[in-house]
Amino acid sequence: MAAISALPMELRAEAIHAILSDMLKDLPAESILRMREEVRQQLDDDIPIIRSALELIEGQLALREIAASAHWR
């Protein structure tokens, strides 16, 4: 996270999304659901990066639902 803080503001969101995206691919759905709930409870989704992160989480959950038991990666 220190490396992200050192980036210019306009690149921080992209870096956070890249890290989150990679992490979401490897987490079990239950962990993603818990993460989503924690973000909703602890952070303000009026902040654009938070809203965007929640959208990324929702997208990952939707992909898994569509793929069901298929190997989706």
PDB file of N, CA and C in Angstrom:
ATOM      1  N   MET A   1       0.818  -1.200   0.000  1.00  0.00           N
ATOM      2  CA  MET A   1       0.000   0.000   0.000  1.00  0.00           C
ATOM      3  C   MET A   1       0.863   1.267   0.000  1.00  0.00           C
ATOM      4  N   ALA A   2       2.045   1.188   0.580  1.00  0.00           N
ATOM      5  CA  ALA A   2       2.923   2.356   0.574  1.00  0.00           C
ATOM      6  C   ALA A   2       3.307   2.734  -0.849  1.00  0.00           C
ATOM      7  N   ALA A   3       3.492   1.723  -1.692  1.00  0.00           N
ATOM      8  CA  ALA A   3       3.839   1.998  -3.091  1.00  0.00           C
ATOM      9  C   ALA A   3       2.697   2.710  -3.798  1.00  0.00           C
ATOM     10  N   ILE A   4       1.470   2.335  -3.489  1.00  0.00           N
ATOM     11  CA  ILE A   4       0.304   2.989  -4.097  1.00  0.00           C
ATOM     12  C   ILE A   4       0.219   4.428  -3.628  1.00  0.00           C
ATOM     13  N   SER A   5       0.483   4.662  -2.366  1.00  0.00           N
ATOM     14  CA  SER A   5       0.436   6.023  -1.828  1.00  0.00           C
ATOM     15  C   SER A   5       1.455   6.931  -2.498  1.00  0.00           C
ATOM     16  N   ALA A   6       2.540   6.347  -2.984  1.00  0.00           N
ATOM     17  CA  ALA A   6       3.581   7.142  -3.629  1.00  0.00           C
ATOM     18  C   ALA A   6       3.212   7.518  -5.066  1.00  0.00           C
ATOM     19  N   LEU A   7       2.203   6.868  -5.617  1.00  0.00           N
ATOM     20  CA  LEU A   7       1.787   7.166  -6.991  1.00  0.00           C
ATOM     21  C   LEU A   7       1.045   8.495  -7.059  1.00  0.00           C
ATOM     22  N   PRO A   8       1.063   9.125  -8.223  1.00  0.00           N
ATOM     23  CA  PRO A   8       0.231  10.315  -8.400  1.00  0.00           C
ATOM     24  C   PRO A   8      -1.249   9.937  -8.202  1.00  0.00           C
ATOM     25  N   MET A   9      -2.025  10.850  -7.721  1.00  0.00           N
ATOM     26  CA  MET A   9      -3.424  10.595  -7.384  1.00  0.00           C
ATOM     27  C   MET A   9      -4.186   9.942  -8.537  1.00  0.00           C
ATOM     28  N   GLU A  10      -3.950  10.392  -9.761  1.00  0.00           N
ATOM     29  CA  GLU A  10      -4.710   9.880 -10.897  1.00  0.00           C
ATOM     30  C   GLU A  10      -4.378   8.425 -11.222  1.00  0.00           C
ATOM     31  N   LEU A  11      -3.270   7.901 -10.713  1.00  0.00           N
ATOM     32  CA  LEU A  11      -2.900   6.504 -10.963  1.00  0.00           C
ATOM     33  C   LEU A  11      -3.260   5.574  -9.812  1.00  0.00           C
ATOM     34  N   ARG A  12      -3.605   6.128  -8.681  1.00  0.00           N
ATOM     35  CA  ARG A  12      -3.894   5.302  -7.503  1.00  0.00           C
ATOM     36  C   ARG A  12      -5.096   4.394  -7.704  1.00  0.00           C
ATOM     37  N   ALA A  13      -6.177   4.906  -8.248  1.00  0.00           N
ATOM     38  CA  ALA A  13      -7.377   4.098  -8.438  1.00  0.00           C
ATOM     39  C   ALA A  13      -7.087   2.919  -9.354  1.00  0.00           C
ATOM     40  N   GLU A  14      -6.338   3.173 -10.413  1.00  0.00           N
ATOM     41  CA  GLU A  14      -5.990   2.102 -11.352  1.00  0.00           C
ATOM     42  C   GLU A  14      -5.147   1.025 -10.653  1.00  0.00           C
ATOM     43  N   ALA A  15      -4.216   1.428  -9.831  1.00  0.00           N
ATOM     44  CA  ALA A  15      -3.376   0.471  -9.107  1.00  0.00           C
ATOM     45  C   ALA A  15      -4.193  -0.342  -8.117  1.00  0.00           C
ATOM     46  N   ILE A  16      -5.077   0.328  -7.406  1.00  0.00           N
ATOM     47  CA  ILE A  16      -5.940  -0.377  -6.447  1.00  0.00           C
ATOM     48  C   ILE A  16      -6.824  -1.377  -7.177  1.00  0.00           C
ATOM     49  N   HIS A  17      -7.378  -0.985  -8.298  1.00  0.00           N
ATOM     50  CA  HIS A  17      -8.224  -1.896  -9.067  1.00  0.00           C
ATOM     51  C   HIS A  17      -7.446  -3.103  -9.571  1.00  0.00           C
ATOM     52  N   ALA A  18      -6.220  -2.894 -10.008  1.00  0.00           N
ATOM     53  CA  ALA A  18      -5.400  -3.998 -10.501  1.00  0.00           C
ATOM     54  C   ALA A  18      -5.141  -5.015  -9.389  1.00  0.00           C
ATOM     55  N   ILE A  19      -4.800  -4.530  -8.216  1.00  0.00           N
ATOM     56  CA  ILE A  19      -4.540  -5.418  -7.076  1.00  0.00           C
ATOM     57  C   ILE A  19      -5.829  -6.140  -6.671  1.00  0.00           C
ATOM     58  N   LEU A  20      -6.905  -5.411  -6.555  1.00  0.00           N
ATOM     59  CA  LEU A  20      -8.179  -5.990  -6.154  1.00  0.00           C
ATOM     60  C   LEU A  20      -8.658  -7.023  -7.172  1.00  0.00           C
ATOM     61  N   SER A  21      -8.529  -6.704  -8.432  1.00  0.00           N
ATOM     62  CA  SER A  21      -8.964  -7.610  -9.484  1.00  0.00           C
ATOM     63  C   SER A  21      -8.216  -8.940  -9.420  1.00  0.00           C
ATOM     64  N   ASP A  22      -6.903  -8.878  -9.273  1.00  0.00           N
ATOM     65  CA  ASP A  22      -6.117 -10.108  -9.169  1.00  0.00           C
ATOM     66  C   ASP A  22      -6.499 -10.906  -7.929  1.00  0.00           C
ATOM     67  N   MET A  23      -6.693 -10.232  -6.834  1.00  0.00           N
ATOM     68  CA  MET A  23      -7.031 -10.894  -5.588  1.00  0.00           C
ATOM     69  C   MET A  23      -8.404 -11.571  -5.670  1.00  0.00           C
ATOM     70  N   LEU A  24      -9.377 -10.894  -6.255  1.00  0.00           N
ATOM     71  CA  LEU A  24     -10.728 -11.432  -6.340  1.00  0.00           C
ATOM     72  C   LEU A  24     -10.787 -12.736  -7.121  1.00  0.00           C
ATOM     73  N   LYS A  25      -9.944 -12.871  -8.126  1.00  0.00           N
ATOM     74  CA  LYS A  25      -9.946 -14.072  -8.956  1.00  0.00           C
ATOM     75  C   LYS A  25      -9.589 -15.318  -8.158  1.00  0.00           C
ATOM     76  N   ASP A  26      -8.826 -15.153  -7.098  1.00  0.00           N
ATOM     77  CA  ASP A  26      -8.342 -16.294  -6.327  1.00  0.00           C
ATOM     78  C   ASP A  26      -9.111 -16.552  -5.033  1.00  0.00           C
ATOM     79  N   LEU A  27      -9.951 -15.641  -4.642  1.00  0.00           N
ATOM     80  CA  LEU A  27     -10.694 -15.808  -3.387  1.00  0.00           C
ATOM     81  C   LEU A  27     -11.941 -16.658  -3.588  1.00  0.00           C
ATOM     82  N   PRO A  28     -12.302 -17.440  -2.581  1.00  0.00           N
ATOM     83  CA  PRO A  28     -13.585 -18.146  -2.650  1.00  0.00           C
ATOM     84  C   PRO A  28     -14.734 -17.130  -2.562  1.00  0.00           C
ATOM     85  N   ALA A  29     -15.862 -17.488  -3.111  1.00  0.00           N
ATOM     86  CA  ALA A  29     -17.022 -16.587  -3.143  1.00  0.00           C
ATOM     87  C   ALA A  29     -17.409 -16.100  -1.752  1.00  0.00           C
ATOM     88  N   GLU A  30     -17.318 -16.968  -0.764  1.00  0.00           N
ATOM     89  CA  GLU A  30     -17.691 -16.584   0.605  1.00  0.00           C
ATOM     90  C   GLU A  30     -16.808 -15.451   1.116  1.00  0.00           C
ATOM     91  N   SER A  31     -15.533 -15.506   0.776  1.00  0.00           N
ATOM     92  CA  SER A  31     -14.613 -14.445   1.194  1.00  0.00           C
ATOM     93  C   SER A  31     -14.935 -13.132   0.493  1.00  0.00           C
ATOM     94  N   ILE A  32     -15.306 -13.226  -0.765  1.00  0.00           N
ATOM     95  CA  ILE A  32     -15.673 -12.021  -1.517  1.00  0.00           C
ATOM     96  C   ILE A  32     -16.937 -11.400  -0.930  1.00  0.00           C
ATOM     97  N   LEU A  33     -17.895 -12.236  -0.572  1.00  0.00           N
ATOM     98  CA  LEU A  33     -19.134 -11.729   0.044  1.00  0.00           C
ATOM     99  C   LEU A  33     -18.834 -11.025   1.368  1.00  0.00           C
ATOM    100  N   ARG A  34     -17.946 -11.616   2.180  1.00  0.00           N
ATOM    101  CA  ARG A  34     -17.565 -10.978   3.450  1.00  0.00           C
ATOM    102  C   ARG A  34     -16.850  -9.661   3.193  1.00  0.00           C
ATOM    103  N   MET A  35     -15.957  -9.652   2.204  1.00  0.00           N
ATOM    104  CA  MET A  35     -15.225  -8.430   1.874  1.00  0.00           C
ATOM    105  C   MET A  35     -16.201  -7.335   1.456  1.00  0.00           C
ATOM    106  N   ARG A  36     -17.150  -7.684   0.603  1.00  0.00           N
ATOM    107  CA  ARG A  36     -18.130  -6.701   0.146  1.00  0.00           C
ATOM    108  C   ARG A  36     -18.892  -6.114   1.330  1.00  0.00           C
ATOM    109  N   GLU A  37     -19.301  -6.967   2.247  1.00  0.00           N
ATOM    110  CA  GLU A  37     -20.056  -6.491   3.406  1.00  0.00           C
ATOM    111  C   GLU A  37     -19.207  -5.576   4.290  1.00  0.00           C
ATOM    112  N   GLU A  38     -17.952  -5.940   4.483  1.00  0.00           N
ATOM    113  CA  GLU A  38     -17.063  -5.103   5.290  1.00  0.00           C
ATOM    114  C   GLU A  38     -16.840  -3.739   4.644  1.00  0.00           C
ATOM    115  N   VAL A  39     -16.647  -3.729   3.345  1.00  0.00           N
ATOM    116  CA  VAL A  39     -16.456  -2.455   2.634  1.00  0.00           C
ATOM    117  C   VAL A  39     -17.707  -1.598   2.785  1.00  0.00           C
ATOM    118  N   ARG A  40     -18.869  -2.207   2.598  1.00  0.00           N
ATOM    119  CA  ARG A  40     -20.128  -1.451   2.726  1.00  0.00           C
ATOM    120  C   ARG A  40     -20.317  -0.885   4.120  1.00  0.00           C
ATOM    121  N   GLN A  41     -19.953  -1.657   5.137  1.00  0.00           N
ATOM    122  CA  GLN A  41     -20.154  -1.217   6.518  1.00  0.00           C
ATOM    123  C   GLN A  41     -19.136  -0.171   6.961  1.00  0.00           C
ATOM    124  N   GLN A  42     -17.904  -0.281   6.480  1.00  0.00           N
ATOM    125  CA  GLN A  42     -16.826   0.536   7.027  1.00  0.00           C
ATOM    126  C   GLN A  42     -16.443   1.737   6.177  1.00  0.00           C
ATOM    127  N   LEU A  43     -16.819   1.720   4.891  1.00  0.00           N
ATOM    128  CA  LEU A  43     -16.368   2.788   4.007  1.00  0.00           C
ATOM    129  C   LEU A  43     -17.542   3.477   3.335  1.00  0.00           C
ATOM    130  N   ASP A  44     -17.348   4.700   2.966  1.00  0.00           N
ATOM    131  CA  ASP A  44     -18.387   5.517   2.348  1.00  0.00           C
ATOM    132  C   ASP A  44     -18.416   5.282   0.838  1.00  0.00           C
ATOM    133  N   ASP A  45     -19.508   4.681   0.350  1.00  0.00           N
ATOM    134  CA  ASP A  45     -19.564   4.380  -1.083  1.00  0.00           C
ATOM    135  C   ASP A  45     -19.887   5.606  -1.943  1.00  0.00           C
ATOM    136  N   ASP A  46     -19.942   6.781  -1.330  1.00  0.00           N
ATOM    137  CA  ASP A  46     -20.033   8.018  -2.107  1.00  0.00           C
ATOM    138  C   ASP A  46     -18.655   8.434  -2.638  1.00  0.00           C
ATOM    139  N   ILE A  47     -17.615   7.836  -2.078  1.00  0.00           N
ATOM    140  CA  ILE A  47     -16.256   8.099  -2.554  1.00  0.00           C
ATOM    141  C   ILE A  47     -16.064   7.283  -3.830  1.00  0.00           C
ATOM    142  N   PRO A  48     -15.672   7.929  -4.920  1.00  0.00           N
ATOM    143  CA  PRO A  48     -15.600   7.227  -6.208  1.00  0.00           C
ATOM    144  C   PRO A  48     -14.781   5.943  -6.212  1.00  0.00           C
ATOM    145  N   ILE A  49     -13.626   5.910  -5.568  1.00  0.00           N
ATOM    146  CA  ILE A  49     -12.811   4.696  -5.584  1.00  0.00           C
ATOM    147  C   ILE A  49     -13.494   3.564  -4.817  1.00  0.00           C
ATOM    148  N   ILE A  50     -14.215   3.890  -3.766  1.00  0.00           N
ATOM    149  CA  ILE A  50     -14.940   2.876  -2.999  1.00  0.00           C
ATOM    150  C   ILE A  50     -16.094   2.336  -3.833  1.00  0.00           C
ATOM    151  N   ARG A  51     -16.830   3.224  -4.447  1.00  0.00           N
ATOM    152  CA  ARG A  51     -17.941   2.817  -5.313  1.00  0.00           C
ATOM    153  C   ARG A  51     -17.436   1.935  -6.452  1.00  0.00           C
ATOM    154  N   SER A  52     -16.329   2.322  -7.032  1.00  0.00           N
ATOM    155  CA  SER A  52     -15.742   1.565  -8.130  1.00  0.00           C
ATOM    156  C   SER A  52     -15.264   0.189  -7.658  1.00  0.00           C
ATOM    157  N   ALA A  53     -14.671   0.118  -6.487  1.00  0.00           N
ATOM    158  CA  ALA A  53     -14.224  -1.164  -5.938  1.00  0.00           C
ATOM    159  C   ALA A  53     -15.417  -2.081  -5.686  1.00  0.00           C
ATOM    160  N   LEU A  54     -16.506  -1.521  -5.162  1.00  0.00           N
ATOM    161  CA  LEU A  54     -17.710  -2.323  -4.956  1.00  0.00           C
ATOM    162  C   LEU A  54     -18.275  -2.830  -6.283  1.00  0.00           C
ATOM    163  N   GLU A  55     -18.203  -2.016  -7.307  1.00  0.00           N
ATOM    164  CA  GLU A  55     -18.664  -2.455  -8.624  1.00  0.00           C
ATOM    165  C   GLU A  55     -17.792  -3.589  -9.155  1.00  0.00           C
ATOM    166  N   LEU A  56     -16.502  -3.519  -8.901  1.00  0.00           N
ATOM    167  CA  LEU A  56     -15.592  -4.591  -9.301  1.00  0.00           C
ATOM    168  C   LEU A  56     -15.933  -5.885  -8.557  1.00  0.00           C
ATOM    169  N   ILE A  57     -16.202  -5.773  -7.273  1.00  0.00           N
ATOM    170  CA  ILE A  57     -16.594  -6.933  -6.468  1.00  0.00           C
ATOM    171  C   ILE A  57     -17.901  -7.510  -6.998  1.00  0.00           C
ATOM    172  N   GLU A  58     -18.884  -6.656  -7.248  1.00  0.00           N
ATOM    173  CA  GLU A  58     -20.174  -7.127  -7.779  1.00  0.00           C
ATOM    174  C   GLU A  58     -19.999  -7.828  -9.126  1.00  0.00           C
ATOM    175  N   GLY A  59     -19.120  -7.282  -9.963  1.00  0.00           N
ATOM    176  CA  GLY A  59     -18.866  -7.899 -11.258  1.00  0.00           C
ATOM    177  C   GLY A  59     -18.275  -9.288 -11.117  1.00  0.00           C
ATOM    178  N   GLN A  60     -17.350  -9.444 -10.193  1.00  0.00           N
ATOM    179  CA  GLN A  60     -16.750 -10.760  -9.969  1.00  0.00           C
ATOM    180  C   GLN A  60     -17.796 -11.756  -9.475  1.00  0.00           C
ATOM    181  N   LEU A  61     -18.658 -11.311  -8.570  1.00  0.00           N
ATOM    182  CA  LEU A  61     -19.719 -12.191  -8.073  1.00  0.00           C
ATOM    183  C   LEU A  61     -20.696 -12.563  -9.193  1.00  0.00           C
ATOM    184  N   ALA A  62     -21.002 -11.617 -10.060  1.00  0.00           N
ATOM    185  CA  ALA A  62     -21.904 -11.890 -11.183  1.00  0.00           C
ATOM    186  C   ALA A  62     -21.281 -12.901 -12.148  1.00  0.00           C
ATOM    187  N   LEU A  63     -19.994 -12.746 -12.432  1.00  0.00           N
ATOM    188  CA  LEU A  63     -19.314 -13.701 -13.305  1.00  0.00           C
ATOM    189  C   LEU A  63     -19.376 -15.112 -12.743  1.00  0.00           C
ATOM    190  N   ARG A  64     -19.174 -15.229 -11.459  1.00  0.00           N
ATOM    191  CA  ARG A  64     -19.226 -16.546 -10.829  1.00  0.00           C
ATOM    192  C   ARG A  64     -20.626 -17.133 -10.870  1.00  0.00           C
ATOM    193  N   GLU A  65     -21.618 -16.294 -10.684  1.00  0.00           N
ATOM    194  CA  GLU A  65     -22.998 -16.778 -10.752  1.00  0.00           C
ATOM    195  C   GLU A  65     -23.339 -17.265 -12.158  1.00  0.00           C
ATOM    196  N   ILE A  66     -22.906 -16.518 -13.161  1.00  0.00           N
ATOM    197  CA  ILE A  66     -23.157 -16.901 -14.551  1.00  0.00           C
ATOM    198  C   ILE A  66     -22.445 -18.213 -14.870  1.00  0.00           C
ATOM    199  N   ALA A  67     -21.214 -18.346 -14.411  1.00  0.00           N
ATOM    200  CA  ALA A  67     -20.422 -19.540 -14.727  1.00  0.00           C
ATOM    201  C   ALA A  67     -20.864 -20.755 -13.923  1.00  0.00           C
ATOM    202  N   ALA A  68     -21.530 -20.535 -12.813  1.00  0.00           N
ATOM    203  CA  ALA A  68     -21.972 -21.605 -11.912  1.00  0.00           C
ATOM    204  C   ALA A  68     -20.797 -22.520 -11.599  1.00  0.00           C
ATOM    205  N   SER A  69     -20.908 -23.796 -11.922  1.00  0.00           N
ATOM    206  CA  SER A  69     -19.855 -24.728 -11.573  1.00  0.00           C
ATOM    207  C   SER A  69     -18.808 -24.882 -12.663  1.00  0.00           C
ATOM    208  N   ALA A  70     -18.951 -24.157 -13.755  1.00  0.00           N
ATOM    209  CA  ALA A  70     -17.975 -24.232 -14.842  1.00  0.00           C
ATOM    210  C   ALA A  70     -16.640 -23.656 -14.397  1.00  0.00           C
ATOM    211  N   HIS A  71     -15.585 -24.084 -15.037  1.00  0.00           N
ATOM    212  CA  HIS A  71     -14.270 -23.506 -14.777  1.00  0.00           C
ATOM    213  C   HIS A  71     -14.220 -22.166 -15.479  1.00  0.00           C
ATOM    214  N   TRP A  72     -14.288 -21.060 -14.751  1.00  0.00           N
ATOM    215  CA  TRP A  72     -14.504 -19.728 -15.333  1.00  0.00           C
ATOM    216  C   TRP A  72     -13.229 -18.967 -15.585  1.00  0.00           C
ATOM    217  N   ARG A  73     -12.104 -19.382 -15.066  1.00  0.00           N
ATOM    218  CA  ARG A  73     -10.854 -18.624 -15.240  1.00  0.00           C
ATOM    219  C   ARG A  73     -10.111 -19.048 -16.425  1.00  0.00           C
TER     220      ARG A  73
END
